[in-house]
Amino acid sequence: MYKKRIIVSLFLVISLCIACILPAYAKENLTTYEKAEVLNKLSILAGMDGDYNLSGQLKRSQAAAFIVRIMGKEAYVNANKEKYWSTKFPDVISTQWYAPYVGYCSKNNIISGLDDGRFAPDDPINEQAFLRLMLEVLGYKNDIDYTWNTVYEKAYEIGLIDFEVFSSRNVKNRQYTRGEVVEVLYNSLRLVNKETNITIIDNLINEGI
């Protein structure tokens, strides 16, 4: 009887949390800021006093953190920091906040470094590179489901980006902002992982986010 009460209580708590998020998630034509608020409630996007620095340029270290969070693995990574904070990249210092995120993504073959062996955590990441990371999160494999030259095509095909982004793609010297990342992360919530056949939002629920 006691166990049954615990299960019922847990179900009610989960239902309440989902009820707080779903009204905004289900609403159409959200602004980028409103989408950021949804992602914040899902512990994917962090901010301070409602400021998500949406106009700021996305750094490679931040991209690694977003990937871990959208996969629902942040709690696991933080609980196992010693397993991931030491990486193959000489410029990723183990005491830096982003080291475990980079380590997890690297060990799971999601993220790679530069040609010279560095990761360059403070360097900006362009749109095409981040979309490639998201395709990996969704179970699509490089040189099998897409190539570097078809990243935008695959992202548009599965609904990760809209036609406006697809038609205005520019591979090089693209200043990719956190606001644009919010759009991609938000779009991904309803998408199905090719390998698990589970949507991102359902996976986050399964992971206890």
N, C-alpha and C. Protein backbone atom coordinates (compact mmCIF):
# COMPACT_ATOMS: atom_id res chain seq x y z
N MET A 1 0.84 -1.20 0.00
CA MET A 1 0.00 0.00 0.00
C MET A 1 0.88 1.25 0.00
N TYR A 2 1.97 1.21 0.81
CA TYR A 2 2.88 2.35 0.90
C TYR A 2 3.54 2.62 -0.45
N LYS A 3 3.98 1.54 -1.11
CA LYS A 3 4.63 1.69 -2.42
C LYS A 3 3.65 2.27 -3.44
N LYS A 4 2.40 1.84 -3.32
CA LYS A 4 1.38 2.33 -4.26
C LYS A 4 1.19 3.83 -4.09
N ARG A 5 1.21 4.30 -2.83
CA ARG A 5 1.05 5.73 -2.57
C ARG A 5 2.22 6.52 -3.15
N ILE A 6 3.43 5.96 -3.01
CA ILE A 6 4.62 6.62 -3.56
C ILE A 6 4.50 6.76 -5.07
N ILE A 7 4.07 5.69 -5.73
CA ILE A 7 3.93 5.71 -7.19
C ILE A 7 2.89 6.74 -7.61
N VAL A 8 1.77 6.78 -6.90
CA VAL A 8 0.71 7.74 -7.22
C VAL A 8 1.21 9.17 -7.01
N SER A 9 1.94 9.39 -5.92
CA SER A 9 2.48 10.73 -5.64
C SER A 9 3.47 11.15 -6.71
N LEU A 10 4.34 10.21 -7.10
CA LEU A 10 5.32 10.50 -8.14
C LEU A 10 4.64 10.84 -9.45
N PHE A 11 3.59 10.10 -9.78
CA PHE A 11 2.84 10.36 -11.01
C PHE A 11 2.23 11.75 -10.99
N LEU A 12 1.69 12.15 -9.83
CA LEU A 12 1.08 13.48 -9.71
C LEU A 12 2.10 14.58 -9.86
N VAL A 13 3.29 14.38 -9.29
CA VAL A 13 4.36 15.38 -9.41
C VAL A 13 4.78 15.53 -10.86
N ILE A 14 4.99 14.40 -11.55
CA ILE A 14 5.39 14.43 -12.95
C ILE A 14 4.30 15.10 -13.79
N SER A 15 3.05 14.76 -13.53
CA SER A 15 1.93 15.35 -14.27
C SER A 15 1.88 16.86 -14.08
N LEU A 16 2.14 17.31 -12.85
CA LEU A 16 2.12 18.74 -12.56
C LEU A 16 3.24 19.45 -13.31
N CYS A 17 4.43 18.85 -13.33
CA CYS A 17 5.57 19.45 -14.05
C CYS A 17 5.28 19.56 -15.54
N ILE A 18 4.73 18.49 -16.11
CA ILE A 18 4.40 18.50 -17.53
C ILE A 18 3.32 19.53 -17.82
N ALA A 19 2.36 19.65 -16.92
CA ALA A 19 1.27 20.61 -17.11
C ALA A 19 1.78 22.04 -17.13
N CYS A 20 2.87 22.30 -16.40
CA CYS A 20 3.45 23.64 -16.38
C CYS A 20 4.14 23.98 -17.69
N ILE A 21 4.67 22.96 -18.36
CA ILE A 21 5.47 23.17 -19.57
C ILE A 21 4.64 23.08 -20.83
N LEU A 22 3.72 22.14 -20.89
CA LEU A 22 2.99 21.86 -22.12
C LEU A 22 2.17 23.03 -22.68
N PRO A 23 1.54 23.87 -21.86
CA PRO A 23 0.79 24.98 -22.46
C PRO A 23 1.63 25.85 -23.38
N ALA A 24 2.85 26.15 -22.96
CA ALA A 24 3.74 26.96 -23.80
C ALA A 24 4.25 26.14 -24.98
N TYR A 25 4.55 24.86 -24.72
CA TYR A 25 5.08 24.00 -25.79
C TYR A 25 4.05 23.79 -26.89
N ALA A 26 2.79 23.68 -26.49
CA ALA A 26 1.73 23.40 -27.47
C ALA A 26 1.31 24.65 -28.25
N LYS A 27 1.58 25.80 -27.69
CA LYS A 27 1.19 27.04 -28.33
C LYS A 27 1.98 27.27 -29.61
N GLU A 28 1.32 27.76 -30.64
CA GLU A 28 2.00 28.00 -31.91
C GLU A 28 2.47 29.45 -32.00
N ASN A 29 3.42 29.68 -32.90
CA ASN A 29 3.95 31.02 -33.15
C ASN A 29 4.57 31.66 -31.91
N LEU A 30 5.31 30.86 -31.16
CA LEU A 30 6.03 31.40 -30.02
C LEU A 30 7.17 32.28 -30.49
N THR A 31 7.49 33.28 -29.71
CA THR A 31 8.68 34.07 -30.00
C THR A 31 9.91 33.27 -29.59
N THR A 32 11.07 33.70 -30.04
CA THR A 32 12.30 33.01 -29.66
C THR A 32 12.49 33.04 -28.15
N TYR A 33 12.13 34.16 -27.54
CA TYR A 33 12.28 34.26 -26.08
C TYR A 33 11.34 33.27 -25.38
N GLU A 34 10.12 33.13 -25.87
CA GLU A 34 9.18 32.18 -25.26
C GLU A 34 9.68 30.75 -25.41
N LYS A 35 10.28 30.46 -26.54
CA LYS A 35 10.87 29.13 -26.74
C LYS A 35 12.03 28.92 -25.78
N ALA A 36 12.79 29.99 -25.55
CA ALA A 36 13.90 29.92 -24.59
C ALA A 36 13.38 29.62 -23.19
N GLU A 37 12.23 30.20 -22.84
CA GLU A 37 11.62 29.95 -21.54
C GLU A 37 11.24 28.48 -21.39
N VAL A 38 10.70 27.88 -22.47
CA VAL A 38 10.35 26.46 -22.44
C VAL A 38 11.60 25.62 -22.23
N LEU A 39 12.66 25.94 -22.97
CA LEU A 39 13.91 25.19 -22.85
C LEU A 39 14.53 25.37 -21.47
N ASN A 40 14.34 26.53 -20.89
CA ASN A 40 14.84 26.77 -19.54
C ASN A 40 14.12 25.89 -18.53
N LYS A 41 12.81 25.74 -18.68
CA LYS A 41 12.04 24.88 -17.78
C LYS A 41 12.44 23.41 -17.92
N LEU A 42 12.94 23.08 -19.09
CA LEU A 42 13.39 21.70 -19.33
C LEU A 42 14.87 21.51 -18.97
N SER A 43 15.47 22.54 -18.37
CA SER A 43 16.89 22.49 -17.94
C SER A 43 17.85 22.31 -19.11
N ILE A 44 17.47 22.81 -20.28
CA ILE A 44 18.34 22.74 -21.45
C ILE A 44 19.08 24.05 -21.65
N LEU A 45 18.40 25.14 -21.38
CA LEU A 45 18.97 26.48 -21.56
C LEU A 45 19.04 27.20 -20.22
N ALA A 46 20.22 27.68 -19.87
CA ALA A 46 20.39 28.41 -18.62
C ALA A 46 20.42 29.90 -18.90
N GLY A 47 19.99 30.67 -17.92
CA GLY A 47 20.01 32.12 -18.04
C GLY A 47 20.06 32.74 -16.66
N MET A 48 20.20 34.05 -16.62
CA MET A 48 20.24 34.75 -15.35
C MET A 48 19.19 35.84 -15.34
N ASP A 49 18.22 35.70 -14.44
CA ASP A 49 17.13 36.68 -14.33
C ASP A 49 16.41 36.88 -15.66
N GLY A 50 16.18 35.78 -16.37
CA GLY A 50 15.45 35.84 -17.63
C GLY A 50 16.26 36.29 -18.82
N ASP A 51 17.56 36.48 -18.64
CA ASP A 51 18.43 36.89 -19.75
C ASP A 51 19.17 35.66 -20.27
N TYR A 52 18.87 35.27 -21.50
CA TYR A 52 19.49 34.08 -22.10
C TYR A 52 20.56 34.42 -23.11
N ASN A 53 20.93 35.69 -23.20
CA ASN A 53 21.97 36.14 -24.13
C ASN A 53 21.70 35.61 -25.54
N LEU A 54 20.50 35.81 -26.01
CA LEU A 54 20.07 35.26 -27.30
C LEU A 54 20.82 35.87 -28.49
N SER A 55 21.35 37.06 -28.32
CA SER A 55 22.09 37.69 -29.41
C SER A 55 23.57 37.34 -29.39
N GLY A 56 24.00 36.65 -28.33
CA GLY A 56 25.40 36.28 -28.22
C GLY A 56 25.77 35.15 -29.15
N GLN A 57 27.03 35.10 -29.52
CA GLN A 57 27.51 34.07 -30.43
C GLN A 57 27.74 32.77 -29.67
N LEU A 58 27.38 31.66 -30.27
CA LEU A 58 27.52 30.36 -29.63
C LEU A 58 28.97 29.90 -29.66
N LYS A 59 29.47 29.49 -28.48
CA LYS A 59 30.83 28.97 -28.37
C LYS A 59 30.81 27.44 -28.47
N ARG A 60 31.95 26.88 -28.81
CA ARG A 60 32.04 25.43 -28.96
C ARG A 60 31.79 24.73 -27.62
N SER A 61 32.25 25.32 -26.52
CA SER A 61 32.02 24.74 -25.20
C SER A 61 30.53 24.73 -24.86
N GLN A 62 29.84 25.82 -25.21
CA GLN A 62 28.41 25.91 -24.95
C GLN A 62 27.65 24.89 -25.80
N ALA A 63 28.11 24.68 -27.02
CA ALA A 63 27.46 23.71 -27.91
C ALA A 63 27.51 22.31 -27.29
N ALA A 64 28.65 21.95 -26.70
CA ALA A 64 28.78 20.64 -26.05
C ALA A 64 27.79 20.50 -24.90
N ALA A 65 27.62 21.58 -24.12
CA ALA A 65 26.68 21.54 -23.01
C ALA A 65 25.25 21.38 -23.50
N PHE A 66 24.89 22.10 -24.56
CA PHE A 66 23.55 21.99 -25.11
C PHE A 66 23.27 20.57 -25.59
N ILE A 67 24.26 19.95 -26.20
CA ILE A 67 24.08 18.59 -26.71
C ILE A 67 23.82 17.62 -25.57
N VAL A 68 24.59 17.72 -24.51
CA VAL A 68 24.39 16.85 -23.35
C VAL A 68 23.01 17.06 -22.75
N ARG A 69 22.61 18.31 -22.63
CA ARG A 69 21.31 18.61 -22.01
C ARG A 69 20.13 18.15 -22.86
N ILE A 70 20.20 18.34 -24.18
CA ILE A 70 19.09 17.94 -25.05
C ILE A 70 18.96 16.42 -25.08
N MET A 71 20.05 15.72 -24.73
CA MET A 71 20.01 14.27 -24.64
C MET A 71 19.51 13.80 -23.27
N GLY A 72 19.34 14.75 -22.35
CA GLY A 72 18.88 14.38 -21.01
C GLY A 72 19.96 13.75 -20.16
N LYS A 73 21.24 14.02 -20.48
CA LYS A 73 22.34 13.36 -19.81
C LYS A 73 23.12 14.25 -18.85
N GLU A 74 22.63 15.46 -18.60
CA GLU A 74 23.40 16.37 -17.76
C GLU A 74 23.59 15.83 -16.35
N ALA A 75 22.53 15.33 -15.74
CA ALA A 75 22.65 14.80 -14.37
C ALA A 75 23.64 13.65 -14.33
N TYR A 76 23.59 12.79 -15.34
CA TYR A 76 24.52 11.65 -15.40
C TYR A 76 25.96 12.14 -15.55
N VAL A 77 26.17 13.11 -16.44
CA VAL A 77 27.52 13.63 -16.66
C VAL A 77 28.06 14.31 -15.41
N ASN A 78 27.23 15.09 -14.74
CA ASN A 78 27.67 15.78 -13.53
C ASN A 78 27.97 14.80 -12.40
N ALA A 79 27.24 13.68 -12.38
CA ALA A 79 27.46 12.66 -11.35
C ALA A 79 28.70 11.81 -11.64
N ASN A 80 29.18 11.89 -12.87
CA ASN A 80 30.34 11.09 -13.28
C ASN A 80 31.43 11.97 -13.91
N LYS A 81 31.63 13.14 -13.32
CA LYS A 81 32.58 14.11 -13.87
C LYS A 81 33.98 13.53 -14.03
N GLU A 82 34.40 12.75 -13.03
CA GLU A 82 35.77 12.21 -13.07
C GLU A 82 35.97 11.27 -14.26
N LYS A 83 34.90 10.76 -14.81
CA LYS A 83 34.99 9.87 -15.96
C LYS A 83 35.15 10.63 -17.27
N TYR A 84 34.70 11.90 -17.27
CA TYR A 84 34.66 12.65 -18.52
C TYR A 84 35.51 13.92 -18.55
N TRP A 85 35.97 14.42 -17.39
CA TRP A 85 36.63 15.72 -17.43
C TRP A 85 38.04 15.67 -18.01
N SER A 86 38.61 14.48 -18.12
CA SER A 86 39.91 14.34 -18.78
C SER A 86 39.67 13.93 -20.23
N THR A 87 40.06 14.80 -21.17
CA THR A 87 39.80 14.55 -22.57
C THR A 87 41.09 14.45 -23.38
N LYS A 88 40.96 14.15 -24.64
CA LYS A 88 42.12 14.07 -25.52
C LYS A 88 42.56 15.43 -26.03
N PHE A 89 41.81 16.46 -25.69
CA PHE A 89 42.10 17.80 -26.19
C PHE A 89 43.01 18.54 -25.21
N PRO A 90 44.19 18.98 -25.65
CA PRO A 90 45.14 19.65 -24.74
C PRO A 90 44.65 20.99 -24.21
N ASP A 91 43.71 21.62 -24.88
CA ASP A 91 43.23 22.93 -24.44
C ASP A 91 41.92 22.85 -23.65
N VAL A 92 41.48 21.66 -23.30
CA VAL A 92 40.31 21.50 -22.43
C VAL A 92 40.81 21.13 -21.04
N ILE A 93 40.88 22.14 -20.16
CA ILE A 93 41.38 21.94 -18.81
C ILE A 93 40.30 21.24 -17.97
N SER A 94 40.71 20.21 -17.26
CA SER A 94 39.75 19.36 -16.54
C SER A 94 38.94 20.10 -15.49
N THR A 95 39.46 21.22 -14.99
CA THR A 95 38.74 21.96 -13.95
C THR A 95 37.71 22.94 -14.52
N GLN A 96 37.69 23.12 -15.82
CA GLN A 96 36.73 24.02 -16.43
C GLN A 96 35.33 23.40 -16.42
N TRP A 97 34.31 24.25 -16.31
CA TRP A 97 32.94 23.74 -16.18
C TRP A 97 32.51 22.89 -17.36
N TYR A 98 33.05 23.19 -18.53
CA TYR A 98 32.61 22.49 -19.74
C TYR A 98 33.34 21.19 -20.01
N ALA A 99 34.41 20.90 -19.27
CA ALA A 99 35.23 19.72 -19.55
C ALA A 99 34.43 18.41 -19.57
N PRO A 100 33.56 18.14 -18.57
CA PRO A 100 32.80 16.88 -18.61
C PRO A 100 31.85 16.79 -19.80
N TYR A 101 31.28 17.93 -20.21
CA TYR A 101 30.39 17.93 -21.37
C TYR A 101 31.15 17.57 -22.64
N VAL A 102 32.31 18.21 -22.80
CA VAL A 102 33.14 17.92 -23.97
C VAL A 102 33.60 16.47 -23.96
N GLY A 103 33.99 16.00 -22.77
CA GLY A 103 34.45 14.62 -22.63
C GLY A 103 33.37 13.61 -22.98
N TYR A 104 32.15 13.86 -22.51
CA TYR A 104 31.04 12.94 -22.82
C TYR A 104 30.77 12.90 -24.31
N CYS A 105 30.70 14.06 -24.92
CA CYS A 105 30.41 14.13 -26.36
C CYS A 105 31.53 13.49 -27.17
N SER A 106 32.77 13.69 -26.73
CA SER A 106 33.91 13.12 -27.44
C SER A 106 33.92 11.60 -27.34
N LYS A 107 33.71 11.07 -26.14
CA LYS A 107 33.75 9.63 -25.94
C LYS A 107 32.58 8.91 -26.60
N ASN A 108 31.52 9.65 -26.89
CA ASN A 108 30.38 9.05 -27.59
C ASN A 108 30.37 9.41 -29.07
N ASN A 109 31.51 9.91 -29.55
CA ASN A 109 31.72 10.20 -30.98
C ASN A 109 30.68 11.17 -31.55
N ILE A 110 30.25 12.11 -30.71
CA ILE A 110 29.30 13.12 -31.17
C ILE A 110 30.03 14.36 -31.63
N ILE A 111 31.11 14.67 -30.94
CA ILE A 111 31.83 15.90 -31.20
C ILE A 111 33.29 15.59 -31.46
N SER A 112 33.93 16.39 -32.28
CA SER A 112 35.35 16.18 -32.59
C SER A 112 36.07 17.51 -32.49
N GLY A 113 37.39 17.44 -32.51
CA GLY A 113 38.19 18.64 -32.39
C GLY A 113 38.60 19.20 -33.74
N LEU A 114 39.53 20.13 -33.69
CA LEU A 114 40.04 20.75 -34.90
C LEU A 114 41.15 19.89 -35.50
N ASP A 115 41.58 20.24 -36.68
CA ASP A 115 42.61 19.46 -37.38
C ASP A 115 43.93 19.42 -36.62
N ASP A 116 44.20 20.44 -35.82
CA ASP A 116 45.45 20.49 -35.07
C ASP A 116 45.37 19.79 -33.72
N GLY A 117 44.24 19.13 -33.44
CA GLY A 117 44.09 18.38 -32.20
C GLY A 117 43.45 19.14 -31.06
N ARG A 118 43.28 20.45 -31.20
CA ARG A 118 42.65 21.25 -30.16
C ARG A 118 41.12 21.16 -30.26
N PHE A 119 40.47 21.55 -29.17
CA PHE A 119 39.01 21.65 -29.21
C PHE A 119 38.57 23.10 -29.40
N ALA A 120 39.38 24.04 -28.91
CA ALA A 120 39.09 25.46 -29.01
C ALA A 120 37.74 25.80 -28.37
N PRO A 121 37.60 25.58 -27.05
CA PRO A 121 36.31 25.75 -26.38
C PRO A 121 35.71 27.15 -26.46
N ASP A 122 36.54 28.17 -26.55
CA ASP A 122 36.04 29.53 -26.59
C ASP A 122 35.81 30.06 -28.00
N ASP A 123 36.14 29.27 -28.99
CA ASP A 123 35.90 29.67 -30.38
C ASP A 123 34.42 29.55 -30.72
N PRO A 124 33.93 30.37 -31.63
CA PRO A 124 32.53 30.23 -32.06
C PRO A 124 32.34 28.98 -32.91
N ILE A 125 31.15 28.46 -32.88
CA ILE A 125 30.81 27.32 -33.74
C ILE A 125 29.80 27.81 -34.76
N ASN A 126 29.96 27.40 -36.01
CA ASN A 126 29.03 27.89 -37.03
C ASN A 126 27.77 27.03 -37.10
N GLU A 127 26.82 27.53 -37.84
CA GLU A 127 25.51 26.89 -37.91
C GLU A 127 25.57 25.46 -38.43
N GLN A 128 26.32 25.25 -39.49
CA GLN A 128 26.41 23.92 -40.09
C GLN A 128 26.99 22.90 -39.12
N ALA A 129 28.01 23.30 -38.37
CA ALA A 129 28.65 22.39 -37.42
C ALA A 129 27.68 22.01 -36.30
N PHE A 130 26.90 22.98 -35.81
CA PHE A 130 25.95 22.66 -34.74
C PHE A 130 24.81 21.78 -35.26
N LEU A 131 24.35 22.03 -36.46
CA LEU A 131 23.31 21.19 -37.04
C LEU A 131 23.80 19.75 -37.19
N ARG A 132 25.07 19.59 -37.53
CA ARG A 132 25.63 18.24 -37.64
C ARG A 132 25.58 17.53 -36.29
N LEU A 133 25.90 18.25 -35.22
CA LEU A 133 25.82 17.67 -33.88
C LEU A 133 24.40 17.23 -33.55
N MET A 134 23.42 18.06 -33.92
CA MET A 134 22.04 17.73 -33.64
C MET A 134 21.57 16.53 -34.45
N LEU A 135 22.07 16.38 -35.65
CA LEU A 135 21.72 15.20 -36.45
C LEU A 135 22.24 13.93 -35.76
N GLU A 136 23.42 14.02 -35.16
CA GLU A 136 23.97 12.88 -34.44
C GLU A 136 23.11 12.55 -33.22
N VAL A 137 22.66 13.58 -32.52
CA VAL A 137 21.78 13.40 -31.36
C VAL A 137 20.50 12.67 -31.78
N LEU A 138 20.02 12.96 -32.97
CA LEU A 138 18.78 12.36 -33.48
C LEU A 138 19.01 11.02 -34.17
N GLY A 139 20.22 10.49 -34.04
CA GLY A 139 20.49 9.14 -34.54
C GLY A 139 20.91 9.04 -35.99
N TYR A 140 21.20 10.17 -36.63
CA TYR A 140 21.63 10.16 -38.03
C TYR A 140 23.15 10.14 -38.08
N LYS A 141 23.70 9.27 -38.92
CA LYS A 141 25.13 9.05 -38.96
C LYS A 141 25.79 9.70 -40.18
N ASN A 142 26.92 10.35 -39.90
CA ASN A 142 27.69 10.99 -40.96
C ASN A 142 28.19 9.95 -41.97
N ASP A 143 28.12 10.30 -43.23
CA ASP A 143 28.53 9.45 -44.35
C ASP A 143 27.61 8.24 -44.56
N ILE A 144 26.55 8.16 -43.78
CA ILE A 144 25.53 7.11 -43.99
C ILE A 144 24.19 7.77 -44.30
N ASP A 145 23.73 8.61 -43.39
CA ASP A 145 22.45 9.31 -43.59
C ASP A 145 22.63 10.69 -44.20
N TYR A 146 23.80 11.24 -44.06
CA TYR A 146 24.09 12.57 -44.59
C TYR A 146 25.60 12.73 -44.73
N THR A 147 26.03 13.77 -45.40
CA THR A 147 27.44 14.12 -45.48
C THR A 147 27.60 15.56 -45.01
N TRP A 148 28.82 16.00 -44.89
CA TRP A 148 29.06 17.38 -44.48
C TRP A 148 28.39 18.35 -45.44
N ASN A 149 28.37 18.01 -46.71
CA ASN A 149 27.78 18.90 -47.72
C ASN A 149 26.26 18.85 -47.76
N THR A 150 25.67 17.86 -47.09
CA THR A 150 24.20 17.76 -47.11
C THR A 150 23.58 17.95 -45.72
N VAL A 151 24.33 18.54 -44.81
CA VAL A 151 23.83 18.78 -43.46
C VAL A 151 22.55 19.60 -43.48
N TYR A 152 22.54 20.69 -44.23
CA TYR A 152 21.36 21.56 -44.27
C TYR A 152 20.17 20.82 -44.89
N GLU A 153 20.42 20.05 -45.93
CA GLU A 153 19.33 19.32 -46.60
C GLU A 153 18.68 18.34 -45.62
N LYS A 154 19.50 17.58 -44.89
CA LYS A 154 18.95 16.61 -43.95
C LYS A 154 18.24 17.31 -42.79
N ALA A 155 18.83 18.39 -42.29
CA ALA A 155 18.20 19.14 -41.19
C ALA A 155 16.84 19.69 -41.60
N TYR A 156 16.74 20.16 -42.83
CA TYR A 156 15.47 20.68 -43.33
C TYR A 156 14.47 19.55 -43.57
N GLU A 157 14.96 18.45 -44.08
CA GLU A 157 14.10 17.30 -44.39
C GLU A 157 13.40 16.77 -43.15
N ILE A 158 14.10 16.73 -42.01
CA ILE A 158 13.50 16.15 -40.81
C ILE A 158 12.80 17.19 -39.94
N GLY A 159 12.90 18.47 -40.30
CA GLY A 159 12.20 19.51 -39.56
C GLY A 159 13.01 20.19 -38.48
N LEU A 160 14.32 20.03 -38.53
CA LEU A 160 15.18 20.66 -37.54
C LEU A 160 15.30 22.17 -37.81
N ILE A 161 15.26 22.54 -39.08
CA ILE A 161 15.27 23.96 -39.47
C ILE A 161 14.13 24.20 -40.44
N ASP A 162 13.72 25.46 -40.58
CA ASP A 162 12.65 25.78 -41.51
C ASP A 162 13.22 26.20 -42.87
N PHE A 163 12.34 26.49 -43.79
CA PHE A 163 12.78 26.80 -45.15
C PHE A 163 13.58 28.09 -45.21
N GLU A 164 13.24 29.03 -44.35
CA GLU A 164 13.97 30.31 -44.35
C GLU A 164 15.44 30.10 -44.01
N VAL A 165 15.70 29.28 -43.01
CA VAL A 165 17.08 28.98 -42.63
C VAL A 165 17.77 28.19 -43.74
N PHE A 166 17.04 27.20 -44.26
CA PHE A 166 17.61 26.37 -45.33
C PHE A 166 17.97 27.19 -46.56
N SER A 167 17.10 28.08 -46.94
CA SER A 167 17.33 28.86 -48.17
C SER A 167 18.39 29.94 -48.00
N SER A 168 18.68 30.32 -46.75
CA SER A 168 19.68 31.37 -46.53
C SER A 168 20.96 30.83 -45.93
N ARG A 169 21.17 29.52 -46.05
CA ARG A 169 22.35 28.89 -45.45
C ARG A 169 23.64 29.50 -46.00
N ASN A 170 24.59 29.63 -45.13
CA ASN A 170 25.89 30.15 -45.49
C ASN A 170 26.91 29.44 -44.61
N VAL A 171 27.70 28.59 -45.22
CA VAL A 171 28.56 27.69 -44.46
C VAL A 171 29.68 28.42 -43.72
N LYS A 172 30.39 29.31 -44.39
CA LYS A 172 31.58 29.91 -43.81
C LYS A 172 31.32 31.29 -43.21
N ASN A 173 32.09 31.58 -42.15
CA ASN A 173 32.05 32.90 -41.52
C ASN A 173 30.64 33.29 -41.09
N ARG A 174 29.90 32.32 -40.59
CA ARG A 174 28.53 32.55 -40.18
C ARG A 174 28.48 32.81 -38.68
N GLN A 175 28.04 33.99 -38.26
CA GLN A 175 27.92 34.27 -36.83
C GLN A 175 26.63 33.64 -36.33
N TYR A 176 26.78 32.54 -35.64
CA TYR A 176 25.64 31.75 -35.19
C TYR A 176 25.30 32.14 -33.75
N THR A 177 24.10 32.65 -33.55
CA THR A 177 23.72 33.17 -32.24
C THR A 177 22.98 32.13 -31.39
N ARG A 178 22.95 32.40 -30.09
CA ARG A 178 22.24 31.53 -29.16
C ARG A 178 20.74 31.55 -29.44
N GLY A 179 20.24 32.65 -29.96
CA GLY A 179 18.83 32.71 -30.33
C GLY A 179 18.50 31.74 -31.44
N GLU A 180 19.39 31.63 -32.43
CA GLU A 180 19.19 30.68 -33.53
C GLU A 180 19.29 29.25 -33.02
N VAL A 181 20.15 29.04 -32.03
CA VAL A 181 20.28 27.72 -31.42
C VAL A 181 18.98 27.33 -30.71
N VAL A 182 18.37 28.31 -30.05
CA VAL A 182 17.10 28.08 -29.36
C VAL A 182 16.06 27.55 -30.33
N GLU A 183 16.00 28.12 -31.52
CA GLU A 183 15.03 27.67 -32.53
C GLU A 183 15.26 26.21 -32.89
N VAL A 184 16.52 25.83 -33.06
CA VAL A 184 16.85 24.45 -33.43
C VAL A 184 16.54 23.49 -32.29
N LEU A 185 16.94 23.85 -31.08
CA LEU A 185 16.68 22.99 -29.92
C LEU A 185 15.18 22.80 -29.70
N TYR A 186 14.43 23.88 -29.85
CA TYR A 186 12.98 23.81 -29.67
C TYR A 186 12.35 22.92 -30.75
N ASN A 187 12.78 23.09 -31.99
CA ASN A 187 12.26 22.25 -33.08
C ASN A 187 12.54 20.78 -32.84
N SER A 188 13.67 20.49 -32.21
CA SER A 188 14.08 19.10 -32.02
C SER A 188 13.21 18.35 -31.01
N LEU A 189 12.52 19.07 -30.14
CA LEU A 189 11.75 18.43 -29.07
C LEU A 189 10.73 17.42 -29.59
N ARG A 190 10.13 17.73 -30.73
CA ARG A 190 9.07 16.85 -31.26
C ARG A 190 9.62 15.82 -32.26
N LEU A 191 10.91 15.89 -32.56
CA LEU A 191 11.49 14.99 -33.56
C LEU A 191 11.83 13.63 -32.97
N VAL A 192 11.76 12.62 -33.82
CA VAL A 192 11.99 11.24 -33.39
C VAL A 192 13.43 10.83 -33.68
N ASN A 193 14.05 10.22 -32.68
CA ASN A 193 15.39 9.67 -32.87
C ASN A 193 15.31 8.49 -33.82
N LYS A 194 16.11 8.50 -34.84
CA LYS A 194 16.05 7.46 -35.87
C LYS A 194 16.34 6.07 -35.31
N GLU A 195 17.22 5.99 -34.32
CA GLU A 195 17.63 4.70 -33.78
C GLU A 195 16.69 4.17 -32.70
N THR A 196 16.22 5.06 -31.84
CA THR A 196 15.37 4.62 -30.71
C THR A 196 13.88 4.73 -31.00
N ASN A 197 13.53 5.51 -32.02
CA ASN A 197 12.13 5.76 -32.37
C ASN A 197 11.39 6.48 -31.24
N ILE A 198 12.12 7.25 -30.46
CA ILE A 198 11.55 8.02 -29.35
C ILE A 198 11.80 9.50 -29.61
N THR A 199 10.80 10.34 -29.35
CA THR A 199 10.99 11.77 -29.55
C THR A 199 11.94 12.32 -28.48
N ILE A 200 12.53 13.46 -28.76
CA ILE A 200 13.43 14.11 -27.82
C ILE A 200 12.70 14.42 -26.52
N ILE A 201 11.48 14.96 -26.61
CA ILE A 201 10.74 15.33 -25.41
C ILE A 201 10.39 14.10 -24.58
N ASP A 202 10.04 12.99 -25.23
CA ASP A 202 9.74 11.77 -24.49
C ASP A 202 11.00 11.21 -23.84
N ASN A 203 12.13 11.34 -24.52
CA ASN A 203 13.38 10.88 -23.94
C ASN A 203 13.75 11.70 -22.70
N LEU A 204 13.49 13.01 -22.76
CA LEU A 204 13.76 13.86 -21.60
C LEU A 204 12.90 13.44 -20.42
N ILE A 205 11.65 13.07 -20.70
CA ILE A 205 10.76 12.58 -19.64
C ILE A 205 11.28 11.27 -19.08
N ASN A 206 11.72 10.38 -19.98
CA ASN A 206 12.27 9.09 -19.55
C ASN A 206 13.52 9.25 -18.71
N GLU A 207 14.30 10.31 -19.00
CA GLU A 207 15.52 10.57 -18.27
C GLU A 207 15.26 11.29 -16.95
N GLY A 208 13.99 11.63 -16.71
CA GLY A 208 13.63 12.27 -15.45
C GLY A 208 13.83 13.76 -15.42
N ILE A 209 13.95 14.38 -16.61
CA ILE A 209 14.14 15.82 -16.65
C ILE A 209 12.83 16.53 -16.25
